[in-house]
């Protein structure tokens, strides 16, 4: 917000904010600034992501979709593939204390005030999971499918979680979590009656791994499967090229501050559904 007040362009990693209160404050600050906000959802700039929009349009009626992001420990990939990875611990104690207090205040705003749910350490952790790893998947889901109408079920855990979203005429399942297996399983797959479209992202901590798209289609009683790796150019590089175009060409930003607000709405839809489930079980 200080940068926007000085009419500077801003690149901010996701999540832009954890609460609607903070997100709306950033949106309002941008309105009176000549600077723009670019939120770093690099998966939405990956090669092939734009093309699946056209493929999905050709599906006809969507009957089902799946969003998955199950990953191993990031540090395994970083330590083995990065050049001289470093961790910094020389933060002033008073700054660390202030950061923790601000985080607690922000989470109280999001959960107690905005969601109107009773917070517990588990619920706080689950909300933070949605804001971190979950923000990649749910932001990409929004772009290809739009906003869900409702959450019909949510099972949240500190390591794994799953959600059922209601869309007009179909259901979307979202499953995500962490384990210790060094693997990366992140994809969105959308099904029609005669055709399915899938985009799959590989580990972002290893440069140049391709994003792939797969189209499967019924063909004269058989199956035609097309698997495409459009480029090995890194999604981060493609994203930064869009940042450059924003600054030098005044190009519109799709992962804008206003766009990012919708992620918070989805996180809070999930949290409220999970809280209702907890309340229902406690009454049985």
C-alpha atoms as a PDB file:
ATOM      1  CA  UNK A   1       0.000   0.000   0.000  1.00  0.00           C
ATOM      2  CA  UNK A   2       2.952   2.304   0.621  1.00  0.00           C
ATOM      3  CA  UNK A   3       4.233   1.485  -2.867  1.00  0.00           C
ATOM      4  CA  UNK A   4       0.820   2.232  -4.393  1.00  0.00           C
ATOM      5  CA  UNK A   5       0.663   5.513  -2.474  1.00  0.00           C
ATOM      6  CA  UNK A   6       3.941   6.388  -4.201  1.00  0.00           C
ATOM      7  CA  UNK A   7       2.423   5.379  -7.576  1.00  0.00           C
ATOM      8  CA  UNK A   8       4.665   2.346  -7.979  1.00  0.00           C
ATOM      9  CA  UNK A   9       3.724  -0.910  -9.665  1.00  0.00           C
ATOM     10  CA  UNK A  10       3.561  -3.831  -7.226  1.00  0.00           C
ATOM     11  CA  UNK A  11       4.336  -7.511  -7.698  1.00  0.00           C
ATOM     12  CA  UNK A  12       3.154  -9.495  -4.679  1.00  0.00           C
ATOM     13  CA  UNK A  13       3.349 -13.242  -4.238  1.00  0.00           C
ATOM     14  CA  UNK A  14       0.177 -15.115  -3.489  1.00  0.00           C
ATOM     15  CA  UNK A  15      -1.748 -14.902  -1.294  1.00  0.00           C
ATOM     16  CA  UNK A  16      -2.127 -11.141  -1.605  1.00  0.00           C
ATOM     17  CA  UNK A  17      -4.011 -11.025   1.698  1.00  0.00           C
ATOM     18  CA  UNK A  18      -5.624 -13.394   4.175  1.00  0.00           C
ATOM     19  CA  UNK A  19      -8.737 -11.374   4.982  1.00  0.00           C
ATOM     20  CA  UNK A  20     -11.332  -9.495   2.959  1.00  0.00           C
ATOM     21  CA  UNK A  21     -10.642  -6.414   5.086  1.00  0.00           C
ATOM     22  CA  UNK A  22      -6.989  -6.294   3.992  1.00  0.00           C
ATOM     23  CA  UNK A  23      -7.749  -7.283   0.395  1.00  0.00           C
ATOM     24  CA  UNK A  24     -10.327  -4.530  -0.052  1.00  0.00           C
ATOM     25  CA  UNK A  25      -7.890  -2.014   1.453  1.00  0.00           C
ATOM     26  CA  UNK A  26      -5.341  -2.924  -1.246  1.00  0.00           C
ATOM     27  CA  UNK A  27      -7.988  -2.710  -3.988  1.00  0.00           C
ATOM     28  CA  UNK A  28      -9.012   0.761  -2.809  1.00  0.00           C
ATOM     29  CA  UNK A  29      -5.378   1.892  -2.618  1.00  0.00           C
ATOM     30  CA  UNK A  30      -4.862   0.770  -6.213  1.00  0.00           C
ATOM     31  CA  UNK A  31      -7.865   2.783  -7.406  1.00  0.00           C
ATOM     32  CA  UNK A  32      -6.203   6.088  -6.448  1.00  0.00           C
ATOM     33  CA  UNK A  33      -2.742   5.080  -7.673  1.00  0.00           C
ATOM     34  CA  UNK A  34      -1.163   5.116 -11.113  1.00  0.00           C
ATOM     35  CA  UNK A  35       0.521   1.865 -10.094  1.00  0.00           C
ATOM     36  CA  UNK A  36      -0.963  -1.590 -10.679  1.00  0.00           C
ATOM     37  CA  UNK A  37      -0.949  -4.722  -8.544  1.00  0.00           C
ATOM     38  CA  UNK A  38       0.165  -8.035 -10.040  1.00  0.00           C
ATOM     39  CA  UNK A  39      -0.433 -11.124  -7.864  1.00  0.00           C
ATOM     40  CA  UNK A  40       2.020 -13.954  -8.521  1.00  0.00           C
ATOM     41  CA  UNK A  41      -0.092 -16.950  -9.492  1.00  0.00           C
ATOM     42  CA  UNK A  42       2.505 -18.387 -11.841  1.00  0.00           C
ATOM     43  CA  UNK A  43       0.479 -21.522 -12.669  1.00  0.00           C
ATOM     44  CA  UNK A  44      -2.052 -19.347 -14.494  1.00  0.00           C
ATOM     45  CA  UNK A  45       0.712 -18.115 -16.818  1.00  0.00           C
ATOM     46  CA  UNK A  46       2.073 -21.559 -17.647  1.00  0.00           C
ATOM     47  CA  UNK A  47       2.296 -22.558 -21.300  1.00  0.00           C
ATOM     48  CA  UNK A  48      -0.822 -24.443 -22.274  1.00  0.00           C
ATOM     49  CA  UNK A  49      -3.037 -22.918 -19.592  1.00  0.00           C
ATOM     50  CA  UNK A  50      -4.613 -20.485 -22.022  1.00  0.00           C
ATOM     51  CA  UNK A  51      -5.242 -23.234 -24.563  1.00  0.00           C
ATOM     52  CA  UNK A  52      -7.273 -25.404 -22.205  1.00  0.00           C
ATOM     53  CA  UNK A  53      -9.910 -22.664 -22.059  1.00  0.00           C
ATOM     54  CA  UNK A  54     -10.654 -23.294 -25.722  1.00  0.00           C
ATOM     55  CA  UNK A  55     -10.602 -27.065 -25.232  1.00  0.00           C
ATOM     56  CA  UNK A  56     -13.068 -26.811 -22.344  1.00  0.00           C
ATOM     57  CA  UNK A  57     -15.416 -24.703 -24.480  1.00  0.00           C
ATOM     58  CA  UNK A  58     -15.537 -27.598 -26.939  1.00  0.00           C
ATOM     59  CA  UNK A  59     -16.504 -30.148 -24.287  1.00  0.00           C
ATOM     60  CA  UNK A  60     -20.173 -29.278 -24.461  1.00  0.00           C
ATOM     61  CA  UNK A  61     -21.777 -29.732 -21.057  1.00  0.00           C
ATOM     62  CA  UNK A  62     -19.302 -30.315 -18.246  1.00  0.00           C
ATOM     63  CA  UNK A  63     -20.268 -33.364 -16.198  1.00  0.00           C
ATOM     64  CA  UNK A  64     -17.451 -33.394 -13.610  1.00  0.00           C
ATOM     65  CA  UNK A  65     -14.096 -31.821 -12.791  1.00  0.00           C
ATOM     66  CA  UNK A  66     -11.240 -32.663 -10.455  1.00  0.00           C
ATOM     67  CA  UNK A  67      -8.636 -30.371  -8.899  1.00  0.00           C
ATOM     68  CA  UNK A  68      -5.685 -32.077  -7.193  1.00  0.00           C
ATOM     69  CA  UNK A  69      -2.499 -30.852  -5.525  1.00  0.00           C
ATOM     70  CA  UNK A  70      -0.694 -33.468  -3.423  1.00  0.00           C
ATOM     71  CA  UNK A  71       2.986 -32.758  -2.898  1.00  0.00           C
ATOM     72  CA  UNK A  72       6.097 -33.937  -1.133  1.00  0.00           C
ATOM     73  CA  UNK A  73       8.437 -31.742   0.937  1.00  0.00           C
ATOM     74  CA  UNK A  74       9.574 -28.668  -0.980  1.00  0.00           C
ATOM     75  CA  UNK A  75      12.982 -28.613   0.704  1.00  0.00           C
ATOM     76  CA  UNK A  76      13.836 -31.992  -0.856  1.00  0.00           C
ATOM     77  CA  UNK A  77      13.595 -30.515  -4.355  1.00  0.00           C
ATOM     78  CA  UNK A  78      15.162 -27.160  -3.421  1.00  0.00           C
ATOM     79  CA  UNK A  79      18.222 -28.668  -1.742  1.00  0.00           C
ATOM     80  CA  UNK A  80      18.880 -31.104  -4.585  1.00  0.00           C
ATOM     81  CA  UNK A  81      18.254 -28.835  -7.558  1.00  0.00           C
ATOM     82  CA  UNK A  82      18.870 -25.213  -6.553  1.00  0.00           C
ATOM     83  CA  UNK A  83      22.175 -23.391  -6.782  1.00  0.00           C
ATOM     84  CA  UNK A  84      23.483 -22.501  -3.316  1.00  0.00           C
ATOM     85  CA  UNK A  85      20.124 -22.439  -1.487  1.00  0.00           C
ATOM     86  CA  UNK A  86      20.312 -20.343   1.669  1.00  0.00           C
ATOM     87  CA  UNK A  87      18.121 -19.909   4.713  1.00  0.00           C
ATOM     88  CA  UNK A  88      18.208 -16.720   6.725  1.00  0.00           C
ATOM     89  CA  UNK A  89      17.620 -16.582  10.455  1.00  0.00           C
ATOM     90  CA  UNK A  90      18.986 -13.152  11.375  1.00  0.00           C
ATOM     91  CA  UNK A  91      15.586 -11.545  11.853  1.00  0.00           C
ATOM     92  CA  UNK A  92      15.384  -9.086  14.760  1.00  0.00           C
ATOM     93  CA  UNK A  93      13.391 -10.687  17.605  1.00  0.00           C
ATOM     94  CA  UNK A  94      11.104  -7.663  17.891  1.00  0.00           C
ATOM     95  CA  UNK A  95      10.226  -7.913  14.175  1.00  0.00           C
ATOM     96  CA  UNK A  96       9.462 -11.620  14.518  1.00  0.00           C
ATOM     97  CA  UNK A  97       7.225 -10.880  17.496  1.00  0.00           C
ATOM     98  CA  UNK A  98       5.415  -8.100  15.618  1.00  0.00           C
ATOM     99  CA  UNK A  99       4.904 -10.357  12.601  1.00  0.00           C
ATOM    100  CA  UNK A 100       3.363 -13.068  14.779  1.00  0.00           C
ATOM    101  CA  UNK A 101       1.016 -10.531  16.384  1.00  0.00           C
ATOM    102  CA  UNK A 102      -0.058  -9.169  12.993  1.00  0.00           C
ATOM    103  CA  UNK A 103      -0.652 -12.691  11.710  1.00  0.00           C
ATOM    104  CA  UNK A 104      -2.826 -13.521  14.723  1.00  0.00           C
ATOM    105  CA  UNK A 105      -4.800 -10.311  14.254  1.00  0.00           C
ATOM    106  CA  UNK A 106      -5.314 -10.976  10.529  1.00  0.00           C
ATOM    107  CA  UNK A 107      -6.471 -14.553  11.088  1.00  0.00           C
ATOM    108  CA  UNK A 108      -8.905 -13.409  13.776  1.00  0.00           C
ATOM    109  CA  UNK A 109     -10.305 -10.869  11.300  1.00  0.00           C
ATOM    110  CA  UNK A 110     -10.716 -13.543   8.621  1.00  0.00           C
ATOM    111  CA  UNK A 111     -12.149 -16.327  10.769  1.00  0.00           C
ATOM    112  CA  UNK A 112     -13.955 -14.824  13.729  1.00  0.00           C
ATOM    113  CA  UNK A 113     -15.186 -11.557  12.231  1.00  0.00           C
ATOM    114  CA  UNK A 114     -15.672 -12.377   8.543  1.00  0.00           C
ATOM    115  CA  UNK A 115     -16.459 -16.114   8.666  1.00  0.00           C
ATOM    116  CA  UNK A 116     -18.098 -15.913  12.097  1.00  0.00           C
ATOM    117  CA  UNK A 117     -16.655 -19.262  13.190  1.00  0.00           C
ATOM    118  CA  UNK A 118     -15.114 -20.269  16.471  1.00  0.00           C
ATOM    119  CA  UNK A 119     -11.388 -20.576  15.923  1.00  0.00           C
ATOM    120  CA  UNK A 120      -9.239 -23.440  17.097  1.00  0.00           C
ATOM    121  CA  UNK A 121      -5.558 -24.128  16.380  1.00  0.00           C
ATOM    122  CA  UNK A 122      -6.639 -26.790  13.865  1.00  0.00           C
ATOM    123  CA  UNK A 123      -9.025 -24.458  12.039  1.00  0.00           C
ATOM    124  CA  UNK A 124      -6.355 -21.747  11.878  1.00  0.00           C
ATOM    125  CA  UNK A 125      -3.882 -24.231  10.360  1.00  0.00           C
ATOM    126  CA  UNK A 126      -6.470 -25.423   7.866  1.00  0.00           C
ATOM    127  CA  UNK A 127      -7.251 -21.869   6.785  1.00  0.00           C
ATOM    128  CA  UNK A 128      -3.521 -21.213   6.365  1.00  0.00           C
ATOM    129  CA  UNK A 129      -3.266 -24.339   4.177  1.00  0.00           C
ATOM    130  CA  UNK A 130      -6.009 -22.985   1.922  1.00  0.00           C
ATOM    131  CA  UNK A 131      -4.276 -19.591   1.784  1.00  0.00           C
ATOM    132  CA  UNK A 132      -0.900 -21.095   0.868  1.00  0.00           C
ATOM    133  CA  UNK A 133      -0.898 -24.281  -1.216  1.00  0.00           C
ATOM    134  CA  UNK A 134      -4.635 -24.060  -1.841  1.00  0.00           C
ATOM    135  CA  UNK A 135      -4.471 -20.602  -3.363  1.00  0.00           C
ATOM    136  CA  UNK A 136      -2.612 -21.963  -6.420  1.00  0.00           C
ATOM    137  CA  UNK A 137      -5.288 -24.534  -7.207  1.00  0.00           C
ATOM    138  CA  UNK A 138      -8.381 -22.537  -6.354  1.00  0.00           C
ATOM    139  CA  UNK A 139      -7.209 -19.520  -8.338  1.00  0.00           C
ATOM    140  CA  UNK A 140      -6.572 -21.701 -11.390  1.00  0.00           C
ATOM    141  CA  UNK A 141      -9.923 -23.447 -10.861  1.00  0.00           C
ATOM    142  CA  UNK A 142     -11.669 -20.070 -10.867  1.00  0.00           C
ATOM    143  CA  UNK A 143     -10.090 -19.079 -14.147  1.00  0.00           C
ATOM    144  CA  UNK A 144     -11.118 -22.204 -16.031  1.00  0.00           C
ATOM    145  CA  UNK A 145     -14.496 -22.883 -14.355  1.00  0.00           C
ATOM    146  CA  UNK A 146     -15.562 -19.634 -12.690  1.00  0.00           C
ATOM    147  CA  UNK A 147     -16.715 -19.179  -9.103  1.00  0.00           C
ATOM    148  CA  UNK A 148     -18.513 -22.112  -7.462  1.00  0.00           C
ATOM    149  CA  UNK A 149     -22.114 -21.700  -6.348  1.00  0.00           C
ATOM    150  CA  UNK A 150     -21.572 -23.413  -3.010  1.00  0.00           C
ATOM    151  CA  UNK A 151     -19.535 -25.894  -0.991  1.00  0.00           C
ATOM    152  CA  UNK A 152     -21.545 -29.075  -0.448  1.00  0.00           C
ATOM    153  CA  UNK A 153     -18.942 -30.826   1.686  1.00  0.00           C
ATOM    154  CA  UNK A 154     -15.576 -30.156   3.272  1.00  0.00           C
ATOM    155  CA  UNK A 155     -13.253 -32.456   5.186  1.00  0.00           C
ATOM    156  CA  UNK A 156     -10.273 -30.458   6.398  1.00  0.00           C
ATOM    157  CA  UNK A 157      -7.191 -31.885   8.048  1.00  0.00           C
ATOM    158  CA  UNK A 158      -3.808 -30.439   8.836  1.00  0.00           C
ATOM    159  CA  UNK A 159      -2.074 -32.736   6.325  1.00  0.00           C
ATOM    160  CA  UNK A 160      -4.810 -33.601   3.809  1.00  0.00           C
ATOM    161  CA  UNK A 161      -8.112 -31.982   2.930  1.00  0.00           C
ATOM    162  CA  UNK A 162     -10.900 -32.446   0.392  1.00  0.00           C
ATOM    163  CA  UNK A 163     -13.811 -30.295  -0.728  1.00  0.00           C
ATOM    164  CA  UNK A 164     -16.841 -30.724  -2.990  1.00  0.00           C
ATOM    165  CA  UNK A 165     -17.882 -27.611  -4.907  1.00  0.00           C
ATOM    166  CA  UNK A 166     -21.310 -27.163  -6.465  1.00  0.00           C
ATOM    167  CA  UNK A 167     -21.324 -25.728  -9.981  1.00  0.00           C
ATOM    168  CA  UNK A 168     -24.331 -25.383 -12.277  1.00  0.00           C
ATOM    169  CA  UNK A 169     -25.110 -28.957 -13.351  1.00  0.00           C
ATOM    170  CA  UNK A 170     -21.928 -30.627 -12.069  1.00  0.00           C
ATOM    171  CA  UNK A 171     -19.625 -31.169  -9.084  1.00  0.00           C
ATOM    172  CA  UNK A 172     -15.938 -30.334  -8.689  1.00  0.00           C
ATOM    173  CA  UNK A 173     -13.823 -32.334  -6.258  1.00  0.00           C
ATOM    174  CA  UNK A 174     -10.760 -30.659  -4.780  1.00  0.00           C
ATOM    175  CA  UNK A 175      -8.178 -32.709  -2.922  1.00  0.00           C
ATOM    176  CA  UNK A 176      -4.866 -31.535  -1.575  1.00  0.00           C
ATOM    177  CA  UNK A 177      -2.254 -32.168   1.076  1.00  0.00           C
ATOM    178  CA  UNK A 178       1.311 -32.861   2.116  1.00  0.00           C
ATOM    179  CA  UNK A 179       3.280 -36.077   2.582  1.00  0.00           C
ATOM    180  CA  UNK A 180       6.931 -37.136   2.683  1.00  0.00           C
ATOM    181  CA  UNK A 181       7.091 -38.830  -0.724  1.00  0.00           C
ATOM    182  CA  UNK A 182       9.278 -36.742  -3.091  1.00  0.00           C
ATOM    183  CA  UNK A 183       6.652 -36.291  -5.790  1.00  0.00           C
ATOM    184  CA  UNK A 184       4.412 -33.567  -7.201  1.00  0.00           C
ATOM    185  CA  UNK A 185       0.854 -34.324  -8.323  1.00  0.00           C
ATOM    186  CA  UNK A 186      -0.908 -31.124  -9.349  1.00  0.00           C
ATOM    187  CA  UNK A 187      -3.533 -31.045 -12.063  1.00  0.00           C
ATOM    188  CA  UNK A 188      -6.988 -29.933 -13.133  1.00  0.00           C
ATOM    189  CA  UNK A 189      -9.086 -32.305 -15.230  1.00  0.00           C
ATOM    190  CA  UNK A 190     -12.450 -31.399 -16.730  1.00  0.00           C
ATOM    191  CA  UNK A 191     -14.809 -34.033 -18.130  1.00  0.00           C
ATOM    192  CA  UNK A 192     -17.509 -33.879 -20.794  1.00  0.00           C
ATOM    193  CA  UNK A 193     -19.484 -36.886 -21.983  1.00  0.00           C
ATOM    194  CA  UNK A 194     -17.167 -37.647 -24.918  1.00  0.00           C
ATOM    195  CA  UNK A 195     -14.007 -35.704 -24.091  1.00  0.00           C
ATOM    196  CA  UNK A 196     -11.788 -34.742 -21.162  1.00  0.00           C
ATOM    197  CA  UNK A 197      -9.161 -32.012 -20.806  1.00  0.00           C
ATOM    198  CA  UNK A 198      -6.312 -32.083 -18.293  1.00  0.00           C
ATOM    199  CA  UNK A 199      -3.491 -29.682 -17.435  1.00  0.00           C
ATOM    200  CA  UNK A 200      -0.682 -30.899 -15.189  1.00  0.00           C
ATOM    201  CA  UNK A 201       1.976 -28.821 -13.473  1.00  0.00           C
ATOM    202  CA  UNK A 202       5.297 -30.282 -12.356  1.00  0.00           C
ATOM    203  CA  UNK A 203       7.444 -29.137  -9.444  1.00  0.00           C
ATOM    204  CA  UNK A 204       8.128 -25.371  -9.674  1.00  0.00           C
ATOM    205  CA  UNK A 205      11.361 -25.663  -7.685  1.00  0.00           C
ATOM    206  CA  UNK A 206      13.118 -27.438 -10.567  1.00  0.00           C
ATOM    207  CA  UNK A 207      13.569 -25.064 -13.489  1.00  0.00           C
ATOM    208  CA  UNK A 208      12.266 -25.929 -16.925  1.00  0.00           C
ATOM    209  CA  UNK A 209      10.031 -28.881 -16.084  1.00  0.00           C
ATOM    210  CA  UNK A 210       7.229 -28.775 -18.651  1.00  0.00           C
ATOM    211  CA  UNK A 211       3.578 -28.138 -18.032  1.00  0.00           C
ATOM    212  CA  UNK A 212       1.602 -30.687 -20.016  1.00  0.00           C
ATOM    213  CA  UNK A 213      -1.927 -30.830 -21.363  1.00  0.00           C
ATOM    214  CA  UNK A 214      -3.777 -34.010 -22.244  1.00  0.00           C
ATOM    215  CA  UNK A 215      -6.971 -34.289 -24.282  1.00  0.00           C
ATOM    216  CA  UNK A 216      -8.801 -37.636 -24.372  1.00  0.00           C
ATOM    217  CA  UNK A 217     -11.665 -38.085 -26.814  1.00  0.00           C
ATOM    218  CA  UNK A 218     -13.956 -40.851 -27.969  1.00  0.00           C
ATOM    219  CA  UNK A 219     -13.283 -41.582 -31.633  1.00  0.00           C
ATOM    220  CA  UNK A 220     -15.371 -44.080 -33.616  1.00  0.00           C
ATOM    221  CA  UNK A 221     -15.651 -46.421 -30.653  1.00  0.00           C
ATOM    222  CA  UNK A 222     -11.970 -45.987 -29.814  1.00  0.00           C
ATOM    223  CA  UNK A 223      -9.864 -43.465 -27.914  1.00  0.00           C
ATOM    224  CA  UNK A 224      -7.732 -40.618 -29.215  1.00  0.00           C
ATOM    225  CA  UNK A 225      -5.284 -39.187 -26.674  1.00  0.00           C
ATOM    226  CA  UNK A 226      -3.245 -36.041 -27.372  1.00  0.00           C
ATOM    227  CA  UNK A 227      -0.456 -35.160 -24.964  1.00  0.00           C
ATOM    228  CA  UNK A 228       1.194 -31.765 -25.455  1.00  0.00           C
ATOM    229  CA  UNK A 229       4.201 -30.041 -23.899  1.00  0.00           C
ATOM    230  CA  UNK A 230       4.096 -26.668 -25.581  1.00  0.00           C
ATOM    231  CA  UNK A 231       7.413 -25.375 -24.236  1.00  0.00           C
ATOM    232  CA  UNK A 232      10.009 -25.959 -21.551  1.00  0.00           C
ATOM    233  CA  UNK A 233      10.017 -22.263 -20.699  1.00  0.00           C
ATOM    234  CA  UNK A 234       9.481 -21.890 -16.977  1.00  0.00           C
ATOM    235  CA  UNK A 235       6.061 -20.625 -15.743  1.00  0.00           C
ATOM    236  CA  UNK A 236       7.881 -18.107 -13.531  1.00  0.00           C
ATOM    237  CA  UNK A 237       9.606 -16.646 -16.612  1.00  0.00           C
ATOM    238  CA  UNK A 238       6.340 -16.462 -18.524  1.00  0.00           C
ATOM    239  CA  UNK A 239       4.773 -14.743 -15.528  1.00  0.00           C
ATOM    240  CA  UNK A 240       7.586 -12.191 -15.298  1.00  0.00           C
ATOM    241  CA  UNK A 241       7.190 -11.418 -18.992  1.00  0.00           C
ATOM    242  CA  UNK A 242       3.598 -10.463 -18.197  1.00  0.00           C
ATOM    243  CA  UNK A 243       4.833  -8.252 -15.365  1.00  0.00           C
ATOM    244  CA  UNK A 244       7.178  -6.557 -17.844  1.00  0.00           C
ATOM    245  CA  UNK A 245       4.298  -6.017 -20.276  1.00  0.00           C
ATOM    246  CA  UNK A 246       2.231  -4.506 -17.463  1.00  0.00           C
ATOM    247  CA  UNK A 247       4.988  -1.988 -16.707  1.00  0.00           C
ATOM    248  CA  UNK A 248       6.149  -1.164 -20.243  1.00  0.00           C
ATOM    249  CA  UNK A 249       2.953  -1.572 -22.288  1.00  0.00           C
ATOM    250  CA  UNK A 250       0.272  -0.862 -19.673  1.00  0.00           C
ATOM    251  CA  UNK A 251      -1.098  -4.346 -20.342  1.00  0.00           C
ATOM    252  CA  UNK A 252      -4.092  -5.373 -18.249  1.00  0.00           C
ATOM    253  CA  UNK A 253      -3.388  -7.848 -15.433  1.00  0.00           C
ATOM    254  CA  UNK A 254      -5.542 -10.959 -15.142  1.00  0.00           C
ATOM    255  CA  UNK A 255      -4.164 -11.902 -11.693  1.00  0.00           C
ATOM    256  CA  UNK A 256      -5.087  -8.502 -10.321  1.00  0.00           C
ATOM    257  CA  UNK A 257      -5.830  -7.377  -6.787  1.00  0.00           C
ATOM    258  CA  UNK A 258      -9.569  -7.470  -7.495  1.00  0.00           C
ATOM    259  CA  UNK A 259      -9.270 -10.966  -8.969  1.00  0.00           C
ATOM    260  CA  UNK A 260      -7.414 -12.133  -5.862  1.00  0.00           C
ATOM    261  CA  UNK A 261     -10.314 -11.127  -3.601  1.00  0.00           C
ATOM    262  CA  UNK A 262     -12.335 -14.026  -5.026  1.00  0.00           C
ATOM    263  CA  UNK A 263      -9.865 -16.544  -3.604  1.00  0.00           C
ATOM    264  CA  UNK A 264     -10.623 -15.286  -0.107  1.00  0.00           C
ATOM    265  CA  UNK A 265     -14.339 -15.728  -0.752  1.00  0.00           C
ATOM    266  CA  UNK A 266     -13.686 -19.384  -1.685  1.00  0.00           C
ATOM    267  CA  UNK A 267     -11.462 -20.055   1.349  1.00  0.00           C
ATOM    268  CA  UNK A 268     -14.152 -18.655   3.584  1.00  0.00           C
ATOM    269  CA  UNK A 269     -16.888 -20.683   1.847  1.00  0.00           C
ATOM    270  CA  UNK A 270     -14.835 -23.799   2.635  1.00  0.00           C
ATOM    271  CA  UNK A 271     -14.189 -22.823   6.247  1.00  0.00           C
ATOM    272  CA  UNK A 272     -17.870 -22.088   6.895  1.00  0.00           C
ATOM    273  CA  UNK A 273     -18.852 -25.445   5.365  1.00  0.00           C
ATOM    274  CA  UNK A 274     -16.283 -27.243   7.524  1.00  0.00           C
ATOM    275  CA  UNK A 275     -17.519 -25.408  10.626  1.00  0.00           C
ATOM    276  CA  UNK A 276     -21.123 -26.430   9.834  1.00  0.00           C
ATOM    277  CA  UNK A 277     -19.996 -30.034   9.513  1.00  0.00           C
ATOM    278  CA  UNK A 278     -18.239 -29.877  12.885  1.00  0.00           C
ATOM    279  CA  UNK A 279     -21.355 -28.381  14.497  1.00  0.00           C
ATOM    280  CA  UNK A 280     -23.584 -31.063  12.956  1.00  0.00           C
ATOM    281  CA  UNK A 281     -21.347 -33.895  14.195  1.00  0.00           C
ATOM    282  CA  UNK A 282     -21.248 -32.440  17.700  1.00  0.00           C
ATOM    283  CA  UNK A 283     -25.062 -32.496  17.854  1.00  0.00           C
ATOM    284  CA  UNK A 284     -25.375 -36.141  16.798  1.00  0.00           C
END
